[in-house]
Amino acid sequence: MEEKSYKEYLNHITTFIFDVDGVLTDGTVHVTASGDMLRAMNIKDGYALKTAIDMGYNVCVISGGSNEGVRLRLKGLGITDIYLGAHNKIEQLDDYFNKKDVKSENALYMGDDIPDYPVMKGIGLPCCPQDAVPEIKSISKYVSHKKGGKGAVRDVIEQVLKVQGKWSGNFNAKYD
């Protein structure tokens, strides 16, 4: 049987789900003298997330990390479904799917490391940044040409919205 191109899945995506560290960030954590852990997020990824929400897509974040600064940033973009401190991502994914009545074939999940593996095995469109670990790349139907925290999130959102005819014409969206 011939393997489908990842582009054949894009028309059916209604839901975007992302990991944080290594996907929305480059995976680097700066530790301050007081023990705070600082991460950097790409503003272009933020714009794409906000655009997807404004267009009516479901957007969810599931992360093993539990940084409140990350939660504030995501909430500021309009993301309301945020699961931080997720040690079993499948439980959070199942909860989210039940709450939003989402089918896995309509969901895109972008992860980059081993904790994302079980979730990605059961998702409609598993994706990863260019710098994901080999195990994740091997199960991804799409590997972005962008690295984590460097536009990989924007890349997949923009592709879905373009295929569905929803990307252009949104240049007046409100964005912080």
C-alpha atoms as a PDB file:
ATOM      1  CA  MET A   1       0.000   0.000   0.000  1.00  0.00           C
ATOM      2  CA  GLU A   2       1.324   3.434  -0.924  1.00  0.00           C
ATOM      3  CA  GLU A   3       2.089   5.814   1.952  1.00  0.00           C
ATOM      4  CA  LYS A   4       0.085   9.046   1.906  1.00  0.00           C
ATOM      5  CA  SER A   5       1.895  12.344   1.602  1.00  0.00           C
ATOM      6  CA  TYR A   6       1.554  14.484   4.724  1.00  0.00           C
ATOM      7  CA  LYS A   7      -0.214  17.118   2.583  1.00  0.00           C
ATOM      8  CA  GLU A   8      -3.150  14.722   2.150  1.00  0.00           C
ATOM      9  CA  TYR A   9      -3.810  15.000   5.908  1.00  0.00           C
ATOM     10  CA  LEU A  10      -3.850  18.813   6.047  1.00  0.00           C
ATOM     11  CA  ASN A  11      -7.422  19.254   4.770  1.00  0.00           C
ATOM     12  CA  HIS A  12      -8.799  17.292   7.732  1.00  0.00           C
ATOM     13  CA  ILE A  13      -6.972  19.097  10.538  1.00  0.00           C
ATOM     14  CA  THR A  14      -9.217  20.960  12.987  1.00  0.00           C
ATOM     15  CA  THR A  15      -6.969  20.723  16.019  1.00  0.00           C
ATOM     16  CA  PHE A  16      -3.362  21.668  16.739  1.00  0.00           C
ATOM     17  CA  ILE A  17      -1.586  20.174  19.763  1.00  0.00           C
ATOM     18  CA  PHE A  18       1.936  21.149  20.740  1.00  0.00           C
ATOM     19  CA  ASP A  19       4.616  20.266  23.238  1.00  0.00           C
ATOM     20  CA  VAL A  20       6.516  23.236  24.701  1.00  0.00           C
ATOM     21  CA  ASP A  21      10.212  22.534  25.262  1.00  0.00           C
ATOM     22  CA  GLY A  22      11.907  21.768  21.960  1.00  0.00           C
ATOM     23  CA  VAL A  23       8.809  22.722  19.936  1.00  0.00           C
ATOM     24  CA  LEU A  24       7.571  26.144  21.069  1.00  0.00           C
ATOM     25  CA  THR A  25      11.064  26.769  22.464  1.00  0.00           C
ATOM     26  CA  ASP A  26      14.479  25.673  21.218  1.00  0.00           C
ATOM     27  CA  GLY A  27      14.818  23.445  24.271  1.00  0.00           C
ATOM     28  CA  THR A  28      17.276  25.726  26.007  1.00  0.00           C
ATOM     29  CA  VAL A  29      16.575  26.591  29.634  1.00  0.00           C
ATOM     30  CA  HIS A  30      18.405  29.510  31.259  1.00  0.00           C
ATOM     31  CA  VAL A  31      18.596  29.005  35.007  1.00  0.00           C
ATOM     32  CA  THR A  32      18.873  32.168  37.085  1.00  0.00           C
ATOM     33  CA  ALA A  33      20.669  32.431  40.429  1.00  0.00           C
ATOM     34  CA  SER A  34      17.277  32.271  42.160  1.00  0.00           C
ATOM     35  CA  GLY A  35      16.430  29.032  40.355  1.00  0.00           C
ATOM     36  CA  ASP A  36      13.971  30.474  37.830  1.00  0.00           C
ATOM     37  CA  MET A  37      14.028  28.700  34.482  1.00  0.00           C
ATOM     38  CA  LEU A  38      13.691  31.035  31.519  1.00  0.00           C
ATOM     39  CA  ARG A  39      12.631  29.991  28.012  1.00  0.00           C
ATOM     40  CA  ALA A  40      12.382  31.928  24.762  1.00  0.00           C
ATOM     41  CA  MET A  41       9.448  31.570  22.362  1.00  0.00           C
ATOM     42  CA  ASN A  42       9.322  32.682  18.738  1.00  0.00           C
ATOM     43  CA  ILE A  43       6.966  35.614  18.078  1.00  0.00           C
ATOM     44  CA  LYS A  44       6.123  34.208  14.623  1.00  0.00           C
ATOM     45  CA  ASP A  45       4.961  30.960  16.227  1.00  0.00           C
ATOM     46  CA  GLY A  46       2.820  33.087  18.546  1.00  0.00           C
ATOM     47  CA  TYR A  47       1.257  34.915  15.613  1.00  0.00           C
ATOM     48  CA  ALA A  48       0.379  31.622  13.918  1.00  0.00           C
ATOM     49  CA  LEU A  49      -1.136  30.208  17.128  1.00  0.00           C
ATOM     50  CA  LYS A  50      -3.258  33.338  17.593  1.00  0.00           C
ATOM     51  CA  THR A  51      -4.326  33.226  13.936  1.00  0.00           C
ATOM     52  CA  ALA A  52      -5.376  29.566  14.221  1.00  0.00           C
ATOM     53  CA  ILE A  53      -7.478  30.379  17.301  1.00  0.00           C
ATOM     54  CA  ASP A  54      -9.040  33.388  15.568  1.00  0.00           C
ATOM     55  CA  MET A  55      -9.919  31.133  12.626  1.00  0.00           C
ATOM     56  CA  GLY A  56     -11.779  28.716  14.919  1.00  0.00           C
ATOM     57  CA  TYR A  57      -9.237  25.915  15.223  1.00  0.00           C
ATOM     58  CA  ASN A  58      -8.739  24.048  18.474  1.00  0.00           C
ATOM     59  CA  VAL A  59      -5.310  24.693  19.961  1.00  0.00           C
ATOM     60  CA  CYS A  60      -3.961  22.728  22.898  1.00  0.00           C
ATOM     61  CA  VAL A  61      -0.594  22.529  24.643  1.00  0.00           C
ATOM     62  CA  ILE A  62       0.544  19.444  26.555  1.00  0.00           C
ATOM     63  CA  SER A  63       3.909  19.697  28.303  1.00  0.00           C
ATOM     64  CA  GLY A  64       5.814  17.880  30.994  1.00  0.00           C
ATOM     65  CA  GLY A  65       7.142  21.234  32.186  1.00  0.00           C
ATOM     66  CA  SER A  66       5.181  23.380  34.607  1.00  0.00           C
ATOM     67  CA  ASN A  67       6.537  26.909  34.165  1.00  0.00           C
ATOM     68  CA  GLU A  68       3.882  29.513  34.999  1.00  0.00           C
ATOM     69  CA  GLY A  69       5.519  32.029  32.656  1.00  0.00           C
ATOM     70  CA  VAL A  70       4.814  29.607  29.816  1.00  0.00           C
ATOM     71  CA  ARG A  71       1.164  29.351  30.919  1.00  0.00           C
ATOM     72  CA  LEU A  72       0.827  33.153  30.977  1.00  0.00           C
ATOM     73  CA  ARG A  73       2.322  33.492  27.499  1.00  0.00           C
ATOM     74  CA  LEU A  74       0.010  30.834  26.073  1.00  0.00           C
ATOM     75  CA  LYS A  75      -3.060  32.314  27.776  1.00  0.00           C
ATOM     76  CA  GLY A  76      -2.077  35.717  26.370  1.00  0.00           C
ATOM     77  CA  LEU A  77      -2.289  34.198  22.887  1.00  0.00           C
ATOM     78  CA  GLY A  78      -5.800  32.950  23.639  1.00  0.00           C
ATOM     79  CA  ILE A  79      -4.961  29.308  24.302  1.00  0.00           C
ATOM     80  CA  THR A  80      -7.291  27.985  27.001  1.00  0.00           C
ATOM     81  CA  ASP A  81      -6.461  24.281  26.856  1.00  0.00           C
ATOM     82  CA  ILE A  82      -3.076  24.099  28.556  1.00  0.00           C
ATOM     83  CA  TYR A  83      -1.859  20.951  30.282  1.00  0.00           C
ATOM     84  CA  LEU A  84       1.417  21.613  32.109  1.00  0.00           C
ATOM     85  CA  GLY A  85       3.179  19.122  34.374  1.00  0.00           C
ATOM     86  CA  ALA A  86       1.825  16.310  32.178  1.00  0.00           C
ATOM     87  CA  HIS A  87       3.712  13.162  33.049  1.00  0.00           C
ATOM     88  CA  ASN A  88       1.375  10.907  31.070  1.00  0.00           C
ATOM     89  CA  LYS A  89       0.507  12.898  27.968  1.00  0.00           C
ATOM     90  CA  ILE A  90      -1.949  10.263  26.715  1.00  0.00           C
ATOM     91  CA  GLU A  91      -4.228  10.927  29.716  1.00  0.00           C
ATOM     92  CA  GLN A  92      -4.273  14.658  28.965  1.00  0.00           C
ATOM     93  CA  LEU A  93      -4.808  14.003  25.260  1.00  0.00           C
ATOM     94  CA  ASP A  94      -7.756  11.676  25.954  1.00  0.00           C
ATOM     95  CA  ASP A  95      -9.240  14.233  28.355  1.00  0.00           C
ATOM     96  CA  TYR A  96      -8.872  16.973  25.752  1.00  0.00           C
ATOM     97  CA  PHE A  97     -10.347  14.858  22.934  1.00  0.00           C
ATOM     98  CA  ASN A  98     -13.363  13.962  25.111  1.00  0.00           C
ATOM     99  CA  LYS A  99     -13.871  17.557  26.283  1.00  0.00           C
ATOM    100  CA  LYS A 100     -13.700  19.005  22.742  1.00  0.00           C
ATOM    101  CA  ASP A 101     -15.185  15.995  20.902  1.00  0.00           C
ATOM    102  CA  VAL A 102     -12.110  15.782  18.659  1.00  0.00           C
ATOM    103  CA  LYS A 103     -11.169  12.704  16.660  1.00  0.00           C
ATOM    104  CA  SER A 104      -7.484  11.799  16.474  1.00  0.00           C
ATOM    105  CA  GLU A 105      -7.531  11.816  12.644  1.00  0.00           C
ATOM    106  CA  ASN A 106      -8.408  15.532  12.761  1.00  0.00           C
ATOM    107  CA  ALA A 107      -5.520  16.409  15.058  1.00  0.00           C
ATOM    108  CA  LEU A 108      -1.932  17.422  14.438  1.00  0.00           C
ATOM    109  CA  TYR A 109       0.568  16.923  17.263  1.00  0.00           C
ATOM    110  CA  MET A 110       4.068  18.349  17.171  1.00  0.00           C
ATOM    111  CA  GLY A 111       6.590  16.866  19.565  1.00  0.00           C
ATOM    112  CA  ASP A 112      10.352  16.530  19.633  1.00  0.00           C
ATOM    113  CA  ASP A 113      11.447  13.960  22.200  1.00  0.00           C
ATOM    114  CA  ILE A 114      10.719  10.544  23.719  1.00  0.00           C
ATOM    115  CA  PRO A 115       7.874  11.680  26.085  1.00  0.00           C
ATOM    116  CA  ASP A 116       5.910  12.661  22.936  1.00  0.00           C
ATOM    117  CA  TYR A 117       6.293   9.230  21.315  1.00  0.00           C
ATOM    118  CA  PRO A 118       3.182   7.482  22.767  1.00  0.00           C
ATOM    119  CA  VAL A 119       0.938  10.443  21.929  1.00  0.00           C
ATOM    120  CA  MET A 120       2.301  10.763  18.405  1.00  0.00           C
ATOM    121  CA  LYS A 121       1.742   7.058  17.645  1.00  0.00           C
ATOM    122  CA  GLY A 122      -2.029   7.560  17.933  1.00  0.00           C
ATOM    123  CA  ILE A 123      -2.484  10.963  16.297  1.00  0.00           C
ATOM    124  CA  GLY A 124      -3.728  11.742  12.787  1.00  0.00           C
ATOM    125  CA  LEU A 125      -0.760  13.872  11.771  1.00  0.00           C
ATOM    126  CA  PRO A 126       2.356  13.446  13.930  1.00  0.00           C
ATOM    127  CA  CYS A 127       4.878  16.218  13.204  1.00  0.00           C
ATOM    128  CA  CYS A 128       8.190  17.355  14.587  1.00  0.00           C
ATOM    129  CA  PRO A 129      10.750  20.129  14.263  1.00  0.00           C
ATOM    130  CA  GLN A 130      13.855  19.533  12.156  1.00  0.00           C
ATOM    131  CA  ASP A 131      15.978  19.025  15.286  1.00  0.00           C
ATOM    132  CA  ALA A 132      13.775  16.384  16.958  1.00  0.00           C
ATOM    133  CA  VAL A 133      15.370  13.161  18.189  1.00  0.00           C
ATOM    134  CA  PRO A 134      15.621  10.307  15.633  1.00  0.00           C
ATOM    135  CA  GLU A 135      12.904   8.207  17.303  1.00  0.00           C
ATOM    136  CA  ILE A 136      10.395  11.041  16.874  1.00  0.00           C
ATOM    137  CA  LYS A 137      11.484  11.819  13.325  1.00  0.00           C
ATOM    138  CA  SER A 138      10.958   8.151  12.422  1.00  0.00           C
ATOM    139  CA  ILE A 139       7.241   8.235  13.345  1.00  0.00           C
ATOM    140  CA  SER A 140       6.493  11.744  12.073  1.00  0.00           C
ATOM    141  CA  LYS A 141       4.486  12.097   8.881  1.00  0.00           C
ATOM    142  CA  TYR A 142       5.937  15.597   8.578  1.00  0.00           C
ATOM    143  CA  VAL A 143       9.341  16.863   9.697  1.00  0.00           C
ATOM    144  CA  SER A 144       9.464  20.669   9.512  1.00  0.00           C
ATOM    145  CA  HIS A 145      12.443  22.300   7.851  1.00  0.00           C
ATOM    146  CA  LYS A 146      12.446  24.649  10.889  1.00  0.00           C
ATOM    147  CA  LYS A 147      13.926  23.888  14.302  1.00  0.00           C
ATOM    148  CA  GLY A 148      12.015  23.922  17.566  1.00  0.00           C
ATOM    149  CA  GLY A 149      11.485  27.475  18.820  1.00  0.00           C
ATOM    150  CA  LYS A 150      12.612  28.776  15.432  1.00  0.00           C
ATOM    151  CA  GLY A 151       9.363  28.695  13.450  1.00  0.00           C
ATOM    152  CA  ALA A 152       8.400  24.996  13.302  1.00  0.00           C
ATOM    153  CA  VAL A 153       4.992  25.756  14.862  1.00  0.00           C
ATOM    154  CA  ARG A 154       4.367  28.575  12.382  1.00  0.00           C
ATOM    155  CA  ASP A 155       5.392  26.252   9.555  1.00  0.00           C
ATOM    156  CA  VAL A 156       2.771  23.561  10.270  1.00  0.00           C
ATOM    157  CA  ILE A 157      -0.033  25.982  11.144  1.00  0.00           C
ATOM    158  CA  GLU A 158       0.587  28.055   8.037  1.00  0.00           C
ATOM    159  CA  GLN A 159       0.601  24.952   5.821  1.00  0.00           C
ATOM    160  CA  VAL A 160      -2.738  23.745   7.204  1.00  0.00           C
ATOM    161  CA  LEU A 161      -4.370  27.163   6.907  1.00  0.00           C
ATOM    162  CA  LYS A 162      -3.069  27.655   3.358  1.00  0.00           C
ATOM    163  CA  VAL A 163      -4.317  24.245   2.188  1.00  0.00           C
ATOM    164  CA  GLN A 164      -7.715  25.001   3.740  1.00  0.00           C
ATOM    165  CA  GLY A 165      -7.807  28.477   2.151  1.00  0.00           C
ATOM    166  CA  LYS A 166      -7.740  30.325   5.468  1.00  0.00           C
ATOM    167  CA  TRP A 167      -4.271  31.901   5.602  1.00  0.00           C
ATOM    168  CA  SER A 168      -4.489  34.889   3.263  1.00  0.00           C
ATOM    169  CA  GLY A 169      -6.742  37.803   4.086  1.00  0.00           C
ATOM    170  CA  ASN A 170      -6.118  37.633   7.835  1.00  0.00           C
ATOM    171  CA  PHE A 171      -3.680  40.507   7.913  1.00  0.00           C
ATOM    172  CA  ASN A 172      -5.877  42.634  10.165  1.00  0.00           C
ATOM    173  CA  ALA A 173      -5.963  40.119  13.044  1.00  0.00           C
ATOM    174  CA  LYS A 174      -5.486  41.556  16.522  1.00  0.00           C
ATOM    175  CA  TYR A 175      -2.198  40.397  17.981  1.00  0.00           C
ATOM    176  CA  ASP A 176      -0.205  41.171  21.118  1.00  0.00           C
END
